[in-house]
Amino acid sequence: MDPEDATLKRCPHCGYTDRIVRAAYAPSDAGEAGAAGVDVALPAHESWSALLMGAVGLLLVSALATEGDAVPGNDDPVASCLMLAALALGIVGVLRTRRIKARMRAVEPEVRAYHEHAWYCENCTHIHFRMGRLPQGVAPFEAWALPDYRRRIWYACGFVTSVW
């Protein structure tokens, strides 16, 4: 074997040359029998809006302020303001979450296409790209753990969540 071929087939994280397979066809990272490939999907919490989570928090605080009495005739103006703020944040948060999910669906085909070119090392459970088709901002032979890889590939393909 040519020494250059051995370098190309070596895992950049652990240095081993055996047990390196395409990430799309590697054994599942969840350890489920019959599951094919490392899952490239982002965790569900990546699609939630911070506004939606803030609304839930405000609703809990307002419920504590009213001591569980959520009747509209409540005399406590602070609790009423908190509930109205929670309602407003909740509506905006739901709309924002729907927008984030739509952006995720739009970028997903590109993410899956790049994922087909990724390599998975079964020794150290890291994923890397070799030469060839690379996402923007991703260097060849840079290895990542699975959660970092998922986040990095989605962001390289254009999915970036903003604060609002």
N, C-alpha and C. Protein backbone atom coordinates (compact mmCIF):
# COMPACT_ATOMS: atom_id res chain seq x y z
N MET A 1 0.85 -1.18 0.00
CA MET A 1 0.00 0.00 0.00
C MET A 1 0.89 1.24 0.00
N ASP A 2 0.48 2.23 -0.74
CA ASP A 2 1.19 3.49 -0.83
C ASP A 2 1.08 4.22 0.52
N PRO A 3 2.17 4.80 1.06
CA PRO A 3 2.10 5.50 2.35
C PRO A 3 1.09 6.65 2.34
N GLU A 4 0.90 7.28 1.18
CA GLU A 4 -0.07 8.36 1.11
C GLU A 4 -1.49 7.83 1.30
N ASP A 5 -1.80 6.65 0.77
CA ASP A 5 -3.11 6.04 0.97
C ASP A 5 -3.36 5.74 2.44
N ALA A 6 -2.32 5.28 3.13
CA ALA A 6 -2.46 4.98 4.56
C ALA A 6 -2.77 6.24 5.34
N THR A 7 -2.18 7.36 4.97
CA THR A 7 -2.45 8.62 5.66
C THR A 7 -3.89 9.05 5.43
N LEU A 8 -4.38 8.86 4.21
CA LEU A 8 -5.75 9.26 3.91
C LEU A 8 -6.77 8.39 4.64
N LYS A 9 -6.42 7.15 4.93
CA LYS A 9 -7.37 6.24 5.57
C LYS A 9 -7.20 6.20 7.09
N ARG A 10 -6.34 7.01 7.64
CA ARG A 10 -6.08 7.04 9.07
C ARG A 10 -7.07 7.99 9.75
N CYS A 11 -7.55 7.60 10.92
CA CYS A 11 -8.42 8.47 11.70
C CYS A 11 -7.58 9.62 12.27
N PRO A 12 -7.99 10.87 12.05
CA PRO A 12 -7.19 11.98 12.55
C PRO A 12 -7.23 12.12 14.07
N HIS A 13 -8.18 11.46 14.72
CA HIS A 13 -8.28 11.58 16.17
C HIS A 13 -7.44 10.53 16.90
N CYS A 14 -7.60 9.26 16.52
CA CYS A 14 -6.91 8.19 17.24
C CYS A 14 -5.73 7.61 16.45
N GLY A 15 -5.68 7.84 15.14
CA GLY A 15 -4.56 7.37 14.33
C GLY A 15 -4.69 5.95 13.79
N TYR A 16 -5.75 5.24 14.15
CA TYR A 16 -5.93 3.87 13.66
C TYR A 16 -6.42 3.89 12.22
N THR A 17 -6.11 2.82 11.51
CA THR A 17 -6.56 2.71 10.12
C THR A 17 -7.66 1.67 9.94
N ASP A 18 -7.95 0.90 10.97
CA ASP A 18 -9.00 -0.12 10.85
C ASP A 18 -10.30 0.41 11.45
N ARG A 19 -11.38 -0.22 11.09
CA ARG A 19 -12.72 0.09 11.61
C ARG A 19 -13.16 1.52 11.31
N ILE A 20 -12.80 2.00 10.12
CA ILE A 20 -13.28 3.31 9.66
C ILE A 20 -14.27 3.05 8.54
N VAL A 21 -15.49 3.51 8.73
CA VAL A 21 -16.56 3.26 7.76
C VAL A 21 -17.27 4.58 7.45
N ARG A 22 -18.05 4.57 6.40
CA ARG A 22 -18.85 5.74 6.08
C ARG A 22 -19.83 6.00 7.23
N ALA A 23 -19.97 7.24 7.61
CA ALA A 23 -20.84 7.58 8.74
C ALA A 23 -22.30 7.21 8.47
N ALA A 24 -22.71 7.32 7.22
CA ALA A 24 -24.10 7.01 6.89
C ALA A 24 -24.41 5.52 7.03
N TYR A 25 -23.36 4.67 7.02
CA TYR A 25 -23.57 3.22 7.10
C TYR A 25 -22.97 2.61 8.36
N ALA A 26 -22.50 3.44 9.27
CA ALA A 26 -21.89 2.95 10.51
C ALA A 26 -22.97 2.40 11.43
N PRO A 27 -22.57 1.58 12.39
CA PRO A 27 -23.56 1.13 13.37
C PRO A 27 -24.16 2.32 14.10
N SER A 28 -25.40 2.21 14.46
CA SER A 28 -26.09 3.32 15.10
C SER A 28 -25.40 3.73 16.39
N ASP A 29 -25.33 5.04 16.64
CA ASP A 29 -24.72 5.53 17.87
C ASP A 29 -25.62 5.29 19.07
N ALA A 30 -26.88 4.96 18.84
CA ALA A 30 -27.78 4.64 19.94
C ALA A 30 -27.69 3.17 20.33
N GLY A 31 -26.97 2.39 19.55
CA GLY A 31 -26.79 0.98 19.86
C GLY A 31 -28.01 0.14 19.54
N GLU A 32 -28.92 0.64 18.74
CA GLU A 32 -30.11 -0.11 18.42
C GLU A 32 -29.81 -1.13 17.32
N ALA A 33 -30.27 -2.33 17.51
CA ALA A 33 -30.06 -3.35 16.49
C ALA A 33 -30.94 -3.04 15.29
N GLY A 34 -30.36 -3.15 14.12
CA GLY A 34 -31.12 -2.92 12.90
C GLY A 34 -31.12 -1.48 12.43
N ALA A 35 -30.66 -0.55 13.27
CA ALA A 35 -30.61 0.85 12.84
C ALA A 35 -29.38 1.04 11.97
N ALA A 36 -29.54 1.75 10.87
CA ALA A 36 -28.43 1.92 9.93
C ALA A 36 -27.91 3.35 9.99
N GLY A 37 -26.63 3.49 10.22
CA GLY A 37 -25.97 4.78 10.14
C GLY A 37 -26.04 5.62 11.39
N VAL A 38 -25.08 6.51 11.49
CA VAL A 38 -25.04 7.48 12.58
C VAL A 38 -26.09 8.54 12.26
N ASP A 39 -26.92 8.85 13.22
CA ASP A 39 -27.99 9.81 13.01
C ASP A 39 -27.41 11.22 12.98
N VAL A 40 -27.72 11.97 11.94
CA VAL A 40 -27.20 13.32 11.79
C VAL A 40 -28.20 14.37 12.28
N ALA A 41 -29.37 13.94 12.71
CA ALA A 41 -30.41 14.88 13.15
C ALA A 41 -29.98 15.61 14.42
N LEU A 42 -30.35 16.88 14.49
CA LEU A 42 -30.07 17.66 15.69
C LEU A 42 -31.02 17.23 16.80
N PRO A 43 -30.61 17.39 18.05
CA PRO A 43 -31.54 17.10 19.15
C PRO A 43 -32.76 18.02 19.07
N ALA A 44 -33.88 17.57 19.61
CA ALA A 44 -35.13 18.31 19.49
C ALA A 44 -35.03 19.71 20.11
N HIS A 45 -34.26 19.86 21.17
CA HIS A 45 -34.20 21.16 21.83
C HIS A 45 -33.54 22.23 20.96
N GLU A 46 -32.83 21.86 19.91
CA GLU A 46 -32.22 22.84 19.01
C GLU A 46 -33.28 23.61 18.23
N SER A 47 -34.48 23.05 18.10
CA SER A 47 -35.51 23.73 17.32
C SER A 47 -36.44 24.58 18.19
N TRP A 48 -36.30 24.50 19.49
CA TRP A 48 -37.17 25.29 20.36
C TRP A 48 -36.71 26.73 20.40
N SER A 49 -37.64 27.62 20.47
CA SER A 49 -37.32 29.03 20.60
C SER A 49 -37.10 29.36 22.08
N ALA A 50 -36.13 30.21 22.35
CA ALA A 50 -35.88 30.65 23.72
C ALA A 50 -37.08 31.43 24.25
N LEU A 51 -37.81 32.08 23.36
CA LEU A 51 -39.00 32.82 23.77
C LEU A 51 -40.09 31.88 24.29
N LEU A 52 -40.21 30.73 23.67
CA LEU A 52 -41.20 29.75 24.12
C LEU A 52 -40.84 29.23 25.50
N MET A 53 -39.57 28.95 25.71
CA MET A 53 -39.14 28.49 27.03
C MET A 53 -39.31 29.59 28.07
N GLY A 54 -39.05 30.85 27.67
CA GLY A 54 -39.26 31.98 28.59
C GLY A 54 -40.72 32.14 28.96
N ALA A 55 -41.60 31.90 28.00
CA ALA A 55 -43.04 32.01 28.26
C ALA A 55 -43.49 30.95 29.28
N VAL A 56 -42.98 29.77 29.15
CA VAL A 56 -43.32 28.72 30.11
C VAL A 56 -42.83 29.10 31.50
N GLY A 57 -41.62 29.65 31.58
CA GLY A 57 -41.08 30.09 32.86
C GLY A 57 -41.91 31.21 33.47
N LEU A 58 -42.30 32.18 32.66
CA LEU A 58 -43.14 33.27 33.16
C LEU A 58 -44.51 32.77 33.62
N LEU A 59 -45.04 31.81 32.92
CA LEU A 59 -46.33 31.25 33.30
C LEU A 59 -46.22 30.56 34.66
N LEU A 60 -45.13 29.86 34.88
CA LEU A 60 -44.93 29.22 36.18
C LEU A 60 -44.77 30.25 37.29
N VAL A 61 -44.02 31.31 37.02
CA VAL A 61 -43.83 32.36 38.03
C VAL A 61 -45.16 33.05 38.33
N SER A 62 -45.95 33.32 37.31
CA SER A 62 -47.24 33.97 37.54
C SER A 62 -48.20 33.04 38.28
N ALA A 63 -48.11 31.75 38.03
CA ALA A 63 -48.95 30.80 38.76
C ALA A 63 -48.56 30.77 40.24
N LEU A 64 -47.27 30.88 40.50
CA LEU A 64 -46.82 30.94 41.90
C LEU A 64 -47.26 32.26 42.55
N ALA A 65 -47.23 33.35 41.79
CA ALA A 65 -47.62 34.65 42.33
C ALA A 65 -49.11 34.69 42.68
N THR A 66 -49.92 33.99 41.93
CA THR A 66 -51.36 33.98 42.21
C THR A 66 -51.75 32.81 43.09
N GLU A 67 -50.77 32.03 43.49
CA GLU A 67 -51.00 30.86 44.34
C GLU A 67 -51.99 29.90 43.69
N GLY A 68 -51.86 29.74 42.37
CA GLY A 68 -52.69 28.78 41.66
C GLY A 68 -54.04 29.32 41.25
N ASP A 69 -54.37 30.56 41.62
CA ASP A 69 -55.66 31.14 41.27
C ASP A 69 -55.52 31.91 39.97
N ALA A 70 -55.87 31.30 38.86
CA ALA A 70 -55.72 31.92 37.54
C ALA A 70 -57.04 32.49 37.04
N VAL A 71 -57.87 32.96 37.96
CA VAL A 71 -59.17 33.54 37.60
C VAL A 71 -58.96 34.95 37.05
N PRO A 72 -59.62 35.35 35.97
CA PRO A 72 -59.42 36.68 35.40
C PRO A 72 -59.73 37.82 36.37
N GLY A 73 -60.56 37.61 37.35
CA GLY A 73 -60.92 38.66 38.29
C GLY A 73 -59.90 38.83 39.41
N ASN A 74 -58.71 38.30 39.26
CA ASN A 74 -57.67 38.40 40.28
C ASN A 74 -57.28 39.85 40.50
N ASP A 75 -57.10 40.22 41.75
CA ASP A 75 -56.79 41.61 42.08
C ASP A 75 -55.31 41.93 41.99
N ASP A 76 -54.46 40.95 41.80
CA ASP A 76 -53.02 41.16 41.79
C ASP A 76 -52.58 41.62 40.39
N PRO A 77 -52.21 42.91 40.22
CA PRO A 77 -51.83 43.39 38.88
C PRO A 77 -50.51 42.81 38.39
N VAL A 78 -49.59 42.50 39.30
CA VAL A 78 -48.30 41.94 38.89
C VAL A 78 -48.50 40.56 38.26
N ALA A 79 -49.31 39.74 38.91
CA ALA A 79 -49.56 38.40 38.37
C ALA A 79 -50.29 38.48 37.04
N SER A 80 -51.22 39.42 36.91
CA SER A 80 -51.94 39.58 35.65
C SER A 80 -50.99 40.01 34.53
N CYS A 81 -50.08 40.93 34.84
CA CYS A 81 -49.09 41.37 33.84
C CYS A 81 -48.16 40.23 33.45
N LEU A 82 -47.76 39.42 34.43
CA LEU A 82 -46.91 38.28 34.14
C LEU A 82 -47.61 37.28 33.23
N MET A 83 -48.90 37.06 33.48
CA MET A 83 -49.64 36.12 32.63
C MET A 83 -49.81 36.66 31.22
N LEU A 84 -50.06 37.96 31.09
CA LEU A 84 -50.17 38.55 29.76
C LEU A 84 -48.83 38.49 29.02
N ALA A 85 -47.75 38.75 29.75
CA ALA A 85 -46.42 38.67 29.13
C ALA A 85 -46.13 37.23 28.71
N ALA A 86 -46.52 36.27 29.56
CA ALA A 86 -46.31 34.86 29.22
C ALA A 86 -47.11 34.48 27.98
N LEU A 87 -48.33 34.99 27.88
CA LEU A 87 -49.16 34.70 26.71
C LEU A 87 -48.53 35.29 25.45
N ALA A 88 -48.08 36.53 25.53
CA ALA A 88 -47.45 37.17 24.37
C ALA A 88 -46.17 36.44 23.97
N LEU A 89 -45.32 36.14 24.94
CA LEU A 89 -44.08 35.41 24.64
C LEU A 89 -44.38 34.02 24.09
N GLY A 90 -45.40 33.39 24.62
CA GLY A 90 -45.77 32.06 24.15
C GLY A 90 -46.20 32.07 22.69
N ILE A 91 -47.00 33.07 22.31
CA ILE A 91 -47.45 33.16 20.92
C ILE A 91 -46.26 33.42 20.00
N VAL A 92 -45.42 34.39 20.37
CA VAL A 92 -44.24 34.68 19.54
C VAL A 92 -43.30 33.48 19.53
N GLY A 93 -43.16 32.80 20.67
CA GLY A 93 -42.29 31.63 20.76
C GLY A 93 -42.75 30.48 19.88
N VAL A 94 -44.05 30.25 19.83
CA VAL A 94 -44.59 29.19 18.96
C VAL A 94 -44.33 29.53 17.50
N LEU A 95 -44.56 30.78 17.12
CA LEU A 95 -44.30 31.19 15.74
C LEU A 95 -42.82 31.07 15.40
N ARG A 96 -41.97 31.46 16.33
CA ARG A 96 -40.52 31.38 16.12
C ARG A 96 -40.08 29.91 16.00
N THR A 97 -40.63 29.04 16.82
CA THR A 97 -40.28 27.63 16.77
C THR A 97 -40.70 27.02 15.43
N ARG A 98 -41.86 27.40 14.94
CA ARG A 98 -42.30 26.91 13.62
C ARG A 98 -41.35 27.39 12.53
N ARG A 99 -40.87 28.63 12.64
CA ARG A 99 -39.94 29.18 11.65
C ARG A 99 -38.61 28.43 11.69
N ILE A 100 -38.11 28.13 12.89
CA ILE A 100 -36.85 27.40 13.03
C ILE A 100 -36.99 26.01 12.41
N LYS A 101 -38.10 25.34 12.69
CA LYS A 101 -38.30 24.00 12.13
C LYS A 101 -38.39 24.03 10.61
N ALA A 102 -39.00 25.07 10.06
CA ALA A 102 -39.08 25.20 8.60
C ALA A 102 -37.68 25.40 8.01
N ARG A 103 -36.84 26.19 8.69
CA ARG A 103 -35.47 26.37 8.22
C ARG A 103 -34.68 25.08 8.32
N MET A 104 -34.94 24.29 9.36
CA MET A 104 -34.25 23.00 9.49
C MET A 104 -34.64 22.06 8.35
N ARG A 105 -35.94 22.04 8.00
CA ARG A 105 -36.38 21.18 6.90
C ARG A 105 -35.78 21.62 5.58
N ALA A 106 -35.56 22.93 5.40
CA ALA A 106 -35.00 23.43 4.15
C ALA A 106 -33.53 23.04 3.99
N VAL A 107 -32.79 22.97 5.08
CA VAL A 107 -31.35 22.69 5.04
C VAL A 107 -31.06 21.19 5.11
N GLU A 108 -32.01 20.40 5.58
CA GLU A 108 -31.77 18.98 5.83
C GLU A 108 -31.25 18.19 4.62
N PRO A 109 -31.75 18.40 3.39
CA PRO A 109 -31.19 17.63 2.26
C PRO A 109 -29.70 17.89 2.05
N GLU A 110 -29.26 19.12 2.22
CA GLU A 110 -27.84 19.43 2.06
C GLU A 110 -27.01 18.78 3.17
N VAL A 111 -27.54 18.79 4.39
CA VAL A 111 -26.84 18.15 5.51
C VAL A 111 -26.68 16.66 5.24
N ARG A 112 -27.75 16.02 4.81
CA ARG A 112 -27.69 14.58 4.54
C ARG A 112 -26.75 14.27 3.37
N ALA A 113 -26.67 15.15 2.38
CA ALA A 113 -25.75 14.94 1.25
C ALA A 113 -24.30 15.00 1.72
N TYR A 114 -23.97 15.96 2.56
CA TYR A 114 -22.60 16.03 3.09
C TYR A 114 -22.31 14.87 4.03
N HIS A 115 -23.33 14.44 4.76
CA HIS A 115 -23.16 13.33 5.70
C HIS A 115 -22.76 12.05 4.97
N GLU A 116 -23.19 11.90 3.73
CA GLU A 116 -22.81 10.73 2.93
C GLU A 116 -21.30 10.67 2.70
N HIS A 117 -20.60 11.80 2.78
CA HIS A 117 -19.16 11.86 2.54
C HIS A 117 -18.34 11.81 3.82
N ALA A 118 -18.98 11.73 4.96
CA ALA A 118 -18.27 11.71 6.24
C ALA A 118 -17.82 10.29 6.58
N TRP A 119 -16.75 10.19 7.36
CA TRP A 119 -16.20 8.90 7.79
C TRP A 119 -16.30 8.79 9.30
N TYR A 120 -16.65 7.59 9.77
CA TYR A 120 -16.84 7.32 11.19
C TYR A 120 -15.81 6.31 11.65
N CYS A 121 -15.08 6.64 12.71
CA CYS A 121 -14.10 5.72 13.29
C CYS A 121 -14.76 4.98 14.45
N GLU A 122 -14.88 3.67 14.33
CA GLU A 122 -15.51 2.88 15.37
C GLU A 122 -14.61 2.72 16.60
N ASN A 123 -13.32 3.00 16.45
CA ASN A 123 -12.41 2.91 17.60
C ASN A 123 -12.64 4.04 18.59
N CYS A 124 -12.68 5.27 18.09
CA CYS A 124 -12.80 6.42 18.98
C CYS A 124 -14.15 7.13 18.88
N THR A 125 -15.04 6.64 18.04
CA THR A 125 -16.38 7.18 17.81
C THR A 125 -16.36 8.66 17.41
N HIS A 126 -15.39 9.03 16.58
CA HIS A 126 -15.33 10.38 16.05
C HIS A 126 -15.62 10.34 14.55
N ILE A 127 -16.07 11.46 14.03
CA ILE A 127 -16.40 11.57 12.61
C ILE A 127 -15.49 12.63 11.98
N HIS A 128 -15.06 12.36 10.76
CA HIS A 128 -14.22 13.31 10.04
C HIS A 128 -14.53 13.26 8.55
N PHE A 129 -14.05 14.26 7.85
CA PHE A 129 -14.13 14.30 6.39
C PHE A 129 -12.72 14.13 5.84
N ARG A 130 -12.63 13.50 4.68
CA ARG A 130 -11.36 13.42 3.97
C ARG A 130 -11.38 14.47 2.88
N MET A 131 -10.48 14.34 1.95
CA MET A 131 -10.46 15.28 0.83
C MET A 131 -11.73 15.08 -0.01
N GLY A 132 -12.07 16.07 -0.79
CA GLY A 132 -13.23 15.95 -1.64
C GLY A 132 -14.27 17.00 -1.30
N ARG A 133 -15.51 16.60 -1.37
CA ARG A 133 -16.62 17.54 -1.13
C ARG A 133 -16.75 17.81 0.36
N LEU A 134 -16.47 19.06 0.76
CA LEU A 134 -16.52 19.44 2.17
C LEU A 134 -17.50 20.59 2.38
N PRO A 135 -18.20 20.61 3.51
CA PRO A 135 -19.04 21.77 3.81
C PRO A 135 -18.17 23.01 4.01
N GLN A 136 -18.76 24.16 3.80
CA GLN A 136 -18.03 25.41 3.96
C GLN A 136 -17.54 25.57 5.40
N GLY A 137 -16.27 25.91 5.55
CA GLY A 137 -15.70 26.12 6.87
C GLY A 137 -15.24 24.86 7.58
N VAL A 138 -15.31 23.73 6.92
CA VAL A 138 -14.89 22.46 7.52
C VAL A 138 -13.57 22.04 6.88
N ALA A 139 -12.58 21.81 7.71
CA ALA A 139 -11.27 21.40 7.22
C ALA A 139 -11.21 19.88 7.08
N PRO A 140 -10.47 19.38 6.09
CA PRO A 140 -10.32 17.93 5.99
C PRO A 140 -9.51 17.39 7.16
N PHE A 141 -9.82 16.18 7.57
CA PHE A 141 -9.12 15.47 8.63
C PHE A 141 -9.24 16.15 9.99
N GLU A 142 -10.33 16.84 10.21
CA GLU A 142 -10.64 17.39 11.53
C GLU A 142 -11.73 16.50 12.12
N ALA A 143 -11.45 15.89 13.28
CA ALA A 143 -12.39 14.92 13.85
C ALA A 143 -13.22 15.54 14.96
N TRP A 144 -14.50 15.11 15.03
CA TRP A 144 -15.40 15.60 16.06
C TRP A 144 -16.11 14.43 16.73
N ALA A 145 -16.47 14.64 17.98
CA ALA A 145 -17.37 13.71 18.66
C ALA A 145 -18.75 13.89 18.02
N LEU A 146 -19.64 12.92 18.20
CA LEU A 146 -20.93 12.94 17.51
C LEU A 146 -21.76 14.20 17.77
N PRO A 147 -21.94 14.67 19.01
CA PRO A 147 -22.76 15.89 19.19
C PRO A 147 -22.14 17.12 18.51
N ASP A 148 -20.82 17.24 18.59
CA ASP A 148 -20.15 18.37 17.93
C ASP A 148 -20.28 18.27 16.42
N TYR A 149 -20.17 17.06 15.90
CA TYR A 149 -20.30 16.85 14.45
C TYR A 149 -21.68 17.28 13.97
N ARG A 150 -22.71 16.84 14.69
CA ARG A 150 -24.08 17.19 14.28
C ARG A 150 -24.25 18.71 14.23
N ARG A 151 -23.86 19.36 15.29
CA ARG A 151 -24.00 20.82 15.34
C ARG A 151 -23.18 21.49 14.25
N ARG A 152 -21.96 21.04 14.07
CA ARG A 152 -21.05 21.66 13.11
C ARG A 152 -21.54 21.48 11.66
N ILE A 153 -22.05 20.30 11.33
CA ILE A 153 -22.49 20.06 9.96
C ILE A 153 -23.75 20.89 9.64
N TRP A 154 -24.65 21.00 10.61
CA TRP A 154 -25.85 21.81 10.38
C TRP A 154 -25.49 23.28 10.21
N TYR A 155 -24.61 23.77 11.04
CA TYR A 155 -24.23 25.19 10.95
C TYR A 155 -23.42 25.45 9.68
N ALA A 156 -22.61 24.51 9.26
CA ALA A 156 -21.83 24.68 8.02
C ALA A 156 -22.74 24.71 6.79
N CYS A 157 -23.89 24.07 6.88
CA CYS A 157 -24.82 24.05 5.76
C CYS A 157 -25.78 25.24 5.77
N GLY A 158 -25.65 26.12 6.75
CA GLY A 158 -26.44 27.34 6.75
C GLY A 158 -27.52 27.44 7.81
N PHE A 159 -27.66 26.43 8.68
CA PHE A 159 -28.67 26.52 9.74
C PHE A 159 -28.01 27.17 10.95
N VAL A 160 -28.43 28.39 11.21
CA VAL A 160 -27.92 29.11 12.38
C VAL A 160 -29.12 29.69 13.09
N THR A 161 -29.28 29.37 14.36
CA THR A 161 -30.38 29.94 15.11
C THR A 161 -29.94 31.29 15.66
N SER A 162 -30.79 32.25 15.56
CA SER A 162 -30.50 33.57 16.12
C SER A 162 -31.10 33.66 17.51
N VAL A 163 -30.77 34.71 18.21
CA VAL A 163 -31.27 34.88 19.58
C VAL A 163 -32.78 35.05 19.59
N TRP A 164 -33.31 35.77 18.64
CA TRP A 164 -34.75 36.02 18.60
C TRP A 164 -35.41 35.11 17.62
